[in-house]
Amino acid sequence: MVAERTTAGATSMIGGGDTLSAISKLGIEDKFTFVSTGGGAMLDFLAQGTLPGIEALNDSKA
């Protein structure tokens, strides 16, 4: 359903190793706007706008 909506113009993001494995087996990886292997990290980034590793890199530039 998400792949169909993406094909129709919607933006989609999916993530997680099991999800990636499933869409890979179905051969529909190219039907999504963004695919992440890190499901939990992707959700944290979407919710918080950053991740600890990104913050550490930003702090080291100061």
N, C-alpha and C. Protein backbone atom coordinates (compact mmCIF):
# COMPACT_ATOMS: atom_id res chain seq x y z
N MET A 1 0.82 -1.18 0.00
CA MET A 1 0.00 0.00 0.00
C MET A 1 0.87 1.26 0.00
N VAL A 2 1.92 1.28 0.82
CA VAL A 2 2.82 2.43 0.86
C VAL A 2 3.54 2.58 -0.47
N ALA A 3 3.99 1.47 -1.04
CA ALA A 3 4.67 1.52 -2.33
C ALA A 3 3.74 2.07 -3.41
N GLU A 4 2.49 1.69 -3.39
CA GLU A 4 1.53 2.19 -4.36
C GLU A 4 1.34 3.70 -4.22
N ARG A 5 1.24 4.17 -2.98
CA ARG A 5 1.07 5.61 -2.74
C ARG A 5 2.31 6.38 -3.17
N THR A 6 3.48 5.80 -2.96
CA THR A 6 4.72 6.45 -3.37
C THR A 6 4.76 6.57 -4.89
N THR A 7 4.38 5.52 -5.58
CA THR A 7 4.33 5.54 -7.03
C THR A 7 3.36 6.62 -7.53
N ALA A 8 2.33 6.90 -6.72
CA ALA A 8 1.34 7.92 -7.09
C ALA A 8 1.79 9.33 -6.70
N GLY A 9 3.00 9.46 -6.09
CA GLY A 9 3.52 10.79 -5.78
C GLY A 9 3.76 11.09 -4.32
N ALA A 10 3.38 10.20 -3.42
CA ALA A 10 3.60 10.44 -1.99
C ALA A 10 5.07 10.21 -1.64
N THR A 11 5.52 10.83 -0.57
CA THR A 11 6.86 10.59 -0.03
C THR A 11 6.75 9.51 1.03
N SER A 12 7.67 8.54 0.98
CA SER A 12 7.61 7.44 1.94
C SER A 12 8.97 7.16 2.55
N MET A 13 8.96 6.74 3.80
CA MET A 13 10.17 6.33 4.51
C MET A 13 9.85 5.03 5.23
N ILE A 14 10.68 4.05 5.02
CA ILE A 14 10.52 2.79 5.73
C ILE A 14 11.87 2.41 6.31
N GLY A 15 11.86 1.63 7.38
CA GLY A 15 13.12 1.28 7.98
C GLY A 15 13.07 0.03 8.83
N GLY A 16 14.25 -0.50 9.06
CA GLY A 16 14.40 -1.68 9.89
C GLY A 16 14.89 -2.85 9.07
N GLY A 17 15.74 -3.64 9.66
CA GLY A 17 16.32 -4.78 8.96
C GLY A 17 15.31 -5.77 8.43
N ASP A 18 14.30 -6.09 9.24
CA ASP A 18 13.28 -7.04 8.80
C ASP A 18 12.43 -6.46 7.68
N THR A 19 12.12 -5.17 7.77
CA THR A 19 11.35 -4.51 6.72
C THR A 19 12.15 -4.50 5.43
N LEU A 20 13.42 -4.14 5.52
CA LEU A 20 14.29 -4.11 4.34
C LEU A 20 14.38 -5.49 3.70
N SER A 21 14.50 -6.51 4.52
CA SER A 21 14.56 -7.89 4.01
C SER A 21 13.28 -8.25 3.27
N ALA A 22 12.15 -7.88 3.83
CA ALA A 22 10.86 -8.21 3.21
C ALA A 22 10.69 -7.51 1.87
N ILE A 23 10.98 -6.20 1.82
CA ILE A 23 10.78 -5.50 0.54
C ILE A 23 11.81 -5.93 -0.49
N SER A 24 12.98 -6.34 -0.01
CA SER A 24 14.01 -6.85 -0.93
C SER A 24 13.54 -8.16 -1.57
N LYS A 25 12.97 -9.04 -0.76
CA LYS A 25 12.45 -10.32 -1.29
C LYS A 25 11.32 -10.09 -2.28
N LEU A 26 10.55 -9.02 -2.05
CA LEU A 26 9.46 -8.69 -2.97
C LEU A 26 9.95 -7.93 -4.20
N GLY A 27 11.19 -7.45 -4.14
CA GLY A 27 11.77 -6.72 -5.27
C GLY A 27 11.18 -5.34 -5.48
N ILE A 28 10.80 -4.68 -4.38
CA ILE A 28 10.16 -3.37 -4.52
C ILE A 28 10.93 -2.26 -3.81
N GLU A 29 12.24 -2.44 -3.62
CA GLU A 29 13.03 -1.42 -2.93
C GLU A 29 12.94 -0.06 -3.61
N ASP A 30 12.84 -0.05 -4.92
CA ASP A 30 12.81 1.20 -5.67
C ASP A 30 11.45 1.90 -5.62
N LYS A 31 10.49 1.32 -4.93
CA LYS A 31 9.15 1.90 -4.83
C LYS A 31 8.99 2.82 -3.63
N PHE A 32 10.07 3.10 -2.90
CA PHE A 32 10.01 3.93 -1.71
C PHE A 32 10.97 5.10 -1.86
N THR A 33 10.65 6.22 -1.25
CA THR A 33 11.49 7.40 -1.33
C THR A 33 12.78 7.21 -0.55
N PHE A 34 12.68 6.65 0.66
CA PHE A 34 13.84 6.46 1.52
C PHE A 34 13.72 5.14 2.24
N VAL A 35 14.79 4.36 2.22
CA VAL A 35 14.84 3.07 2.91
C VAL A 35 16.02 3.09 3.86
N SER A 36 15.78 2.81 5.15
CA SER A 36 16.83 2.81 6.15
C SER A 36 16.96 1.42 6.76
N THR A 37 18.21 0.98 6.98
CA THR A 37 18.41 -0.30 7.66
C THR A 37 18.22 -0.15 9.16
N GLY A 38 18.29 1.06 9.68
CA GLY A 38 18.16 1.32 11.12
C GLY A 38 16.77 1.80 11.46
N GLY A 39 15.86 0.91 11.71
CA GLY A 39 14.48 1.29 12.00
C GLY A 39 14.33 2.14 13.24
N GLY A 40 14.90 1.69 14.35
CA GLY A 40 14.79 2.44 15.61
C GLY A 40 15.49 3.78 15.53
N ALA A 41 16.66 3.80 14.93
CA ALA A 41 17.40 5.05 14.78
C ALA A 41 16.65 6.01 13.87
N MET A 42 16.04 5.49 12.82
CA MET A 42 15.27 6.34 11.92
C MET A 42 14.10 6.98 12.65
N LEU A 43 13.41 6.20 13.47
CA LEU A 43 12.29 6.73 14.24
C LEU A 43 12.75 7.78 15.24
N ASP A 44 13.89 7.53 15.91
CA ASP A 44 14.43 8.51 16.84
C ASP A 44 14.78 9.81 16.12
N PHE A 45 15.39 9.70 14.95
CA PHE A 45 15.75 10.89 14.19
C PHE A 45 14.50 11.67 13.77
N LEU A 46 13.49 10.98 13.31
CA LEU A 46 12.25 11.65 12.90
C LEU A 46 11.57 12.33 14.09
N ALA A 47 11.61 11.69 15.25
CA ALA A 47 10.96 12.24 16.43
C ALA A 47 11.74 13.40 17.05
N GLN A 48 13.08 13.29 17.05
CA GLN A 48 13.90 14.27 17.76
C GLN A 48 14.66 15.22 16.84
N GLY A 49 14.78 14.89 15.58
CA GLY A 49 15.49 15.75 14.64
C GLY A 49 17.00 15.61 14.67
N THR A 50 17.50 14.71 15.49
CA THR A 50 18.94 14.48 15.58
C THR A 50 19.20 13.12 16.21
N LEU A 51 20.45 12.75 16.26
CA LEU A 51 20.88 11.51 16.91
C LEU A 51 22.15 11.80 17.71
N PRO A 52 22.47 11.01 18.73
CA PRO A 52 23.66 11.26 19.53
C PRO A 52 24.94 11.36 18.71
N GLY A 53 25.08 10.52 17.70
CA GLY A 53 26.29 10.57 16.86
C GLY A 53 26.39 11.86 16.08
N ILE A 54 25.26 12.37 15.61
CA ILE A 54 25.26 13.64 14.89
C ILE A 54 25.61 14.77 15.84
N GLU A 55 25.05 14.73 17.04
CA GLU A 55 25.36 15.76 18.04
C GLU A 55 26.85 15.75 18.40
N ALA A 56 27.43 14.56 18.54
CA ALA A 56 28.86 14.47 18.86
C ALA A 56 29.70 15.09 17.75
N LEU A 57 29.32 14.87 16.50
CA LEU A 57 30.04 15.49 15.38
C LEU A 57 29.88 17.00 15.40
N ASN A 58 28.67 17.47 15.69
CA ASN A 58 28.44 18.91 15.77
C ASN A 58 29.25 19.55 16.91
N ASP A 59 29.32 18.86 18.06
CA ASP A 59 30.07 19.37 19.21
C ASP A 59 31.57 19.44 18.90
N SER A 60 32.06 18.49 18.11
CA SER A 60 33.49 18.47 17.81
C SER A 60 33.89 19.61 16.85
N LYS A 61 32.93 20.18 16.14
CA LYS A 61 33.21 21.28 15.23
C LYS A 61 33.30 22.62 15.97
N ALA A 62 32.78 22.66 17.18
CA ALA A 62 32.74 23.94 17.93
C ALA A 62 34.09 24.36 18.45
